[in-house]
């Protein structure tokens, strides 16, 4: 594998981000984008400095087909959401170096009443370790000291094994709601170590995608390369609706 260039101080140059394809088909809402802020998730731990989240939506921008009393007051089944069970694809060619499965898919929480008790248990999940935070996950090695992780996958859906070489677009598993997740989504990040407890995040860009400025936008802009804006909707250039 080719070594990624480093600057004289030994750090990773901001001008050489890891180039990725979107890891799905269809339309997905962008959340916690590094285009909005860095660290993108508000903390610089577990190699997630430039991490990004994607939530599947329909052409109306909805994450689920309906809202009801449970949406307002309680938890919901993850199966209610468009993202749950959708294929997650390799965003870059590489070798699978780590797989973790067996974490449960939690009930989803759109209600503020349900989110409060969940937030109160977040510190406990962090104390349990990386698996409790990332949930079911796949990590690819792309080059020397360059790794890409996809996390919060559906329990029992992971379709790859360590040592397996993958091409862009091959299915890794399916979107779930495992780990530190309140609604089915996929979290993607690039980092310089396989060990998430010491990994430093690496900047990323995506190639060949369409971007709608918001869930309500009717027209998309084609982008050859870039980081999508927070709360925009994206799809691969050849994909606009779920397969």
Protein backbone atom coordinates (compact mmCIF):
# COMPACT_ATOMS: atom_id res chain seq x y z
CA UNK A 1 0.00 0.00 0.00
CA UNK A 2 1.23 3.48 -0.80
CA UNK A 3 2.33 5.73 2.03
CA UNK A 4 0.32 8.90 2.56
CA UNK A 5 2.52 12.04 2.41
CA UNK A 6 3.36 13.76 5.66
CA UNK A 7 4.72 17.21 6.35
CA UNK A 8 8.12 17.92 7.90
CA UNK A 9 6.68 17.95 11.40
CA UNK A 10 5.25 14.45 10.98
CA UNK A 11 1.63 15.57 10.81
CA UNK A 12 -0.88 14.87 8.05
CA UNK A 13 -1.20 17.80 5.61
CA UNK A 14 -4.61 19.42 5.41
CA UNK A 15 -4.11 19.77 1.64
CA UNK A 16 -4.18 15.97 1.08
CA UNK A 17 -7.58 14.71 2.25
CA UNK A 18 -8.63 11.11 1.81
CA UNK A 19 -10.81 10.86 -1.32
CA UNK A 20 -13.96 8.80 -0.91
CA UNK A 21 -17.13 7.82 -2.72
CA UNK A 22 -20.44 8.13 -0.91
CA UNK A 23 -21.03 4.77 0.82
CA UNK A 24 -24.63 4.25 -0.31
CA UNK A 25 -27.18 4.72 -3.08
CA UNK A 26 -30.13 7.08 -2.93
CA UNK A 27 -30.57 10.33 -1.00
CA UNK A 28 -29.09 10.88 2.45
CA UNK A 29 -29.21 13.87 4.79
CA UNK A 30 -25.81 15.20 5.93
CA UNK A 31 -25.30 15.76 9.65
CA UNK A 32 -22.27 16.81 11.70
CA UNK A 33 -20.34 17.75 8.57
CA UNK A 34 -16.74 18.97 8.93
CA UNK A 35 -17.76 21.67 6.45
CA UNK A 36 -19.63 23.27 9.37
CA UNK A 37 -17.00 22.92 12.10
CA UNK A 38 -13.92 20.95 13.15
CA UNK A 39 -14.03 18.82 15.26
CA UNK A 40 -17.23 17.96 13.42
CA UNK A 41 -18.87 16.15 16.34
CA UNK A 42 -17.74 18.68 18.94
CA UNK A 43 -15.03 16.48 20.48
CA UNK A 44 -11.66 15.30 19.20
CA UNK A 45 -11.63 11.67 20.35
CA UNK A 46 -11.71 8.21 18.72
CA UNK A 47 -10.27 9.65 15.48
CA UNK A 48 -13.51 11.47 14.68
CA UNK A 49 -12.13 14.98 14.13
CA UNK A 50 -13.40 15.08 10.52
CA UNK A 51 -16.17 12.47 10.83
CA UNK A 52 -19.49 12.84 9.05
CA UNK A 53 -22.97 11.31 9.48
CA UNK A 54 -25.56 10.41 6.87
CA UNK A 55 -29.28 9.67 7.41
CA UNK A 56 -31.36 8.20 4.55
CA UNK A 57 -34.32 10.31 3.39
CA UNK A 58 -37.00 10.03 0.74
CA UNK A 59 -37.61 12.56 -2.04
CA UNK A 60 -39.62 14.69 0.42
CA UNK A 61 -36.67 14.80 2.82
CA UNK A 62 -38.30 12.59 5.44
CA UNK A 63 -36.23 10.16 7.51
CA UNK A 64 -39.30 7.97 8.16
CA UNK A 65 -42.65 7.64 6.35
CA UNK A 66 -44.80 8.65 9.32
CA UNK A 67 -44.95 10.48 12.63
CA UNK A 68 -47.31 9.54 15.46
CA UNK A 69 -47.63 9.58 19.23
CA UNK A 70 -44.45 7.56 19.74
CA UNK A 71 -42.52 10.10 17.67
CA UNK A 72 -43.58 12.86 20.07
CA UNK A 73 -43.47 11.02 23.39
CA UNK A 74 -41.46 7.80 23.29
CA UNK A 75 -38.98 5.63 21.42
CA UNK A 76 -39.59 4.10 17.99
CA UNK A 77 -38.54 0.90 16.28
CA UNK A 78 -35.47 1.45 14.07
CA UNK A 79 -37.30 -0.46 11.34
CA UNK A 80 -39.55 2.61 10.91
CA UNK A 81 -36.71 4.58 9.32
CA UNK A 82 -35.65 4.57 5.68
CA UNK A 83 -31.98 4.13 6.62
CA UNK A 84 -32.41 0.94 8.61
CA UNK A 85 -31.25 -2.09 6.64
CA UNK A 86 -30.05 -0.08 3.63
CA UNK A 87 -26.80 -1.38 2.07
CA UNK A 88 -23.60 0.39 3.12
CA UNK A 89 -20.88 0.26 0.48
CA UNK A 90 -17.09 0.52 0.52
CA UNK A 91 -16.27 4.21 -0.07
CA UNK A 92 -12.72 3.42 -1.15
CA UNK A 93 -10.63 0.46 -2.24
CA UNK A 94 -8.85 -1.18 0.67
CA UNK A 95 -8.41 -4.21 2.88
CA UNK A 96 -10.73 -5.03 5.77
CA UNK A 97 -8.60 -4.92 8.92
CA UNK A 98 -11.25 -4.95 11.66
CA UNK A 99 -14.86 -6.07 12.02
CA UNK A 100 -17.06 -5.85 15.10
CA UNK A 101 -20.57 -7.29 15.26
CA UNK A 102 -23.04 -8.35 17.94
CA UNK A 103 -24.05 -4.97 19.37
CA UNK A 104 -27.84 -4.47 19.56
CA UNK A 105 -29.77 -2.04 17.40
CA UNK A 106 -31.35 0.39 19.86
CA UNK A 107 -34.82 1.92 19.71
CA UNK A 108 -34.74 5.22 17.81
CA UNK A 109 -35.45 8.54 19.53
CA UNK A 110 -36.91 11.61 17.83
CA UNK A 111 -38.79 12.79 20.91
CA UNK A 112 -37.03 15.29 23.21
CA UNK A 113 -38.61 13.36 26.10
CA UNK A 114 -36.84 10.20 24.96
CA UNK A 115 -33.57 11.96 24.17
CA UNK A 116 -33.06 13.34 27.68
CA UNK A 117 -32.63 9.98 29.46
CA UNK A 118 -30.47 8.75 26.57
CA UNK A 119 -28.14 11.73 26.97
CA UNK A 120 -27.80 10.97 30.66
CA UNK A 121 -26.42 7.50 29.85
CA UNK A 122 -23.83 8.69 27.31
CA UNK A 123 -20.99 8.84 29.83
CA UNK A 124 -21.67 5.24 30.80
CA UNK A 125 -21.38 4.15 27.16
CA UNK A 126 -18.04 5.90 26.84
CA UNK A 127 -16.79 4.06 29.94
CA UNK A 128 -17.78 0.75 28.34
CA UNK A 129 -15.30 1.36 25.53
CA UNK A 130 -15.13 1.81 21.78
CA UNK A 131 -17.56 -1.00 20.91
CA UNK A 132 -20.35 0.57 22.97
CA UNK A 133 -19.83 3.89 21.18
CA UNK A 134 -19.18 2.71 17.62
CA UNK A 135 -21.51 -0.26 17.66
CA UNK A 136 -21.14 -2.73 14.82
CA UNK A 137 -18.38 -1.54 12.52
CA UNK A 138 -15.99 -2.19 9.65
CA UNK A 139 -12.55 -0.61 9.29
CA UNK A 140 -10.63 -0.57 6.00
CA UNK A 141 -6.93 0.11 5.55
CA UNK A 142 -6.46 2.33 2.53
CA UNK A 143 -2.73 3.07 2.73
CA UNK A 144 0.04 3.23 5.33
CA UNK A 145 -1.45 5.00 8.37
CA UNK A 146 -4.74 5.64 6.56
CA UNK A 147 -7.87 3.87 7.78
CA UNK A 148 -11.56 4.43 7.05
CA UNK A 149 -14.22 3.35 9.56
CA UNK A 150 -17.96 2.90 9.00
CA UNK A 151 -19.93 2.45 12.20
CA UNK A 152 -23.43 2.01 13.70
CA UNK A 153 -24.12 -0.91 11.32
CA UNK A 154 -27.03 -3.32 11.71
CA UNK A 155 -26.41 -6.29 13.94
CA UNK A 156 -25.74 -9.46 11.94
CA UNK A 157 -25.51 -7.62 8.60
CA UNK A 158 -21.74 -7.33 8.16
CA UNK A 159 -20.80 -9.09 4.92
CA UNK A 160 -16.99 -8.88 5.01
CA UNK A 161 -14.15 -10.47 7.00
CA UNK A 162 -10.68 -9.26 8.05
CA UNK A 163 -8.14 -9.67 5.28
CA UNK A 164 -10.71 -9.26 2.50
CA UNK A 165 -9.76 -6.82 -0.27
CA UNK A 166 -12.62 -4.60 -1.42
CA UNK A 167 -13.31 -2.41 -4.42
CA UNK A 168 -15.30 0.82 -4.25
CA UNK A 169 -19.02 0.08 -4.11
CA UNK A 170 -18.89 -3.43 -2.65
CA UNK A 171 -21.37 -4.00 0.17
CA UNK A 172 -19.89 -3.98 3.70
CA UNK A 173 -23.06 -4.43 5.66
CA UNK A 174 -26.31 -2.61 6.31
CA UNK A 175 -27.22 0.59 8.10
CA UNK A 176 -28.25 0.09 11.70
CA UNK A 177 -28.75 1.88 14.98
CA UNK A 178 -26.05 0.29 17.11
CA UNK A 179 -23.63 2.04 19.45
CA UNK A 180 -24.03 5.71 20.30
CA UNK A 181 -26.89 6.35 17.87
CA UNK A 182 -30.35 7.85 18.35
CA UNK A 183 -31.63 7.20 14.80
CA UNK A 184 -30.46 4.78 12.09
CA UNK A 185 -27.55 6.37 10.22
CA UNK A 186 -24.02 5.69 9.04
CA UNK A 187 -21.03 7.44 10.59
CA UNK A 188 -17.87 7.61 8.45
CA UNK A 189 -14.40 8.78 9.36
CA UNK A 190 -10.78 8.55 8.22
CA UNK A 191 -7.97 8.22 10.76
CA UNK A 192 -4.27 7.46 11.10
CA UNK A 193 -4.47 4.39 13.36
CA UNK A 194 -6.48 1.20 13.67
CA UNK A 195 -6.66 1.81 17.42
CA UNK A 196 -9.52 4.26 17.89
CA UNK A 197 -8.41 5.15 21.41
CA UNK A 198 -5.28 6.86 20.03
CA UNK A 199 -6.26 7.56 16.40
CA UNK A 200 -6.13 11.07 14.96
CA UNK A 201 -8.76 12.06 12.45
CA UNK A 202 -7.80 12.72 8.82
CA UNK A 203 -9.59 15.17 6.51
CA UNK A 204 -11.85 13.68 3.83
CA UNK A 205 -13.54 14.70 0.59
CA UNK A 206 -16.18 12.97 -1.51
CA UNK A 207 -16.16 12.60 -5.27
CA UNK A 208 -18.88 12.56 -7.97
CA UNK A 209 -22.03 13.41 -6.06
CA UNK A 210 -25.12 15.57 -6.29
CA UNK A 211 -26.07 17.94 -3.48
CA UNK A 212 -29.40 19.55 -2.61
CA UNK A 213 -28.99 22.59 -0.36
CA UNK A 214 -31.69 21.37 2.03
CA UNK A 215 -34.38 18.73 2.41
CA UNK A 216 -36.84 21.02 0.60
CA UNK A 217 -34.61 21.92 -2.33
CA UNK A 218 -35.95 20.86 -5.72
CA UNK A 219 -32.70 21.12 -7.70
CA UNK A 220 -29.28 19.66 -7.07
CA UNK A 221 -25.76 20.80 -7.87
CA UNK A 222 -23.30 18.28 -9.32
CA UNK A 223 -19.97 18.22 -7.51
CA UNK A 224 -16.81 16.51 -8.71
CA UNK A 225 -15.17 16.71 -5.29
CA UNK A 226 -15.90 18.37 -1.97
CA UNK A 227 -17.41 18.16 1.49
CA UNK A 228 -21.21 18.48 1.58
CA UNK A 229 -22.72 21.17 3.75
CA UNK A 230 -24.40 20.30 7.03
CA UNK A 231 -28.14 19.62 6.58
CA UNK A 232 -27.79 19.28 2.82
CA UNK A 233 -28.96 16.12 1.01
CA UNK A 234 -26.57 14.14 -1.15
CA UNK A 235 -26.67 11.22 -3.57
CA UNK A 236 -24.05 9.58 -5.77
CA UNK A 237 -23.95 11.14 -9.23
CA UNK A 238 -25.68 8.13 -10.77
CA UNK A 239 -28.26 7.74 -7.98
CA UNK A 240 -31.17 9.88 -6.85
CA UNK A 241 -33.56 7.47 -5.16
CA UNK A 242 -33.19 4.32 -3.10
CA UNK A 243 -32.39 1.15 -5.00
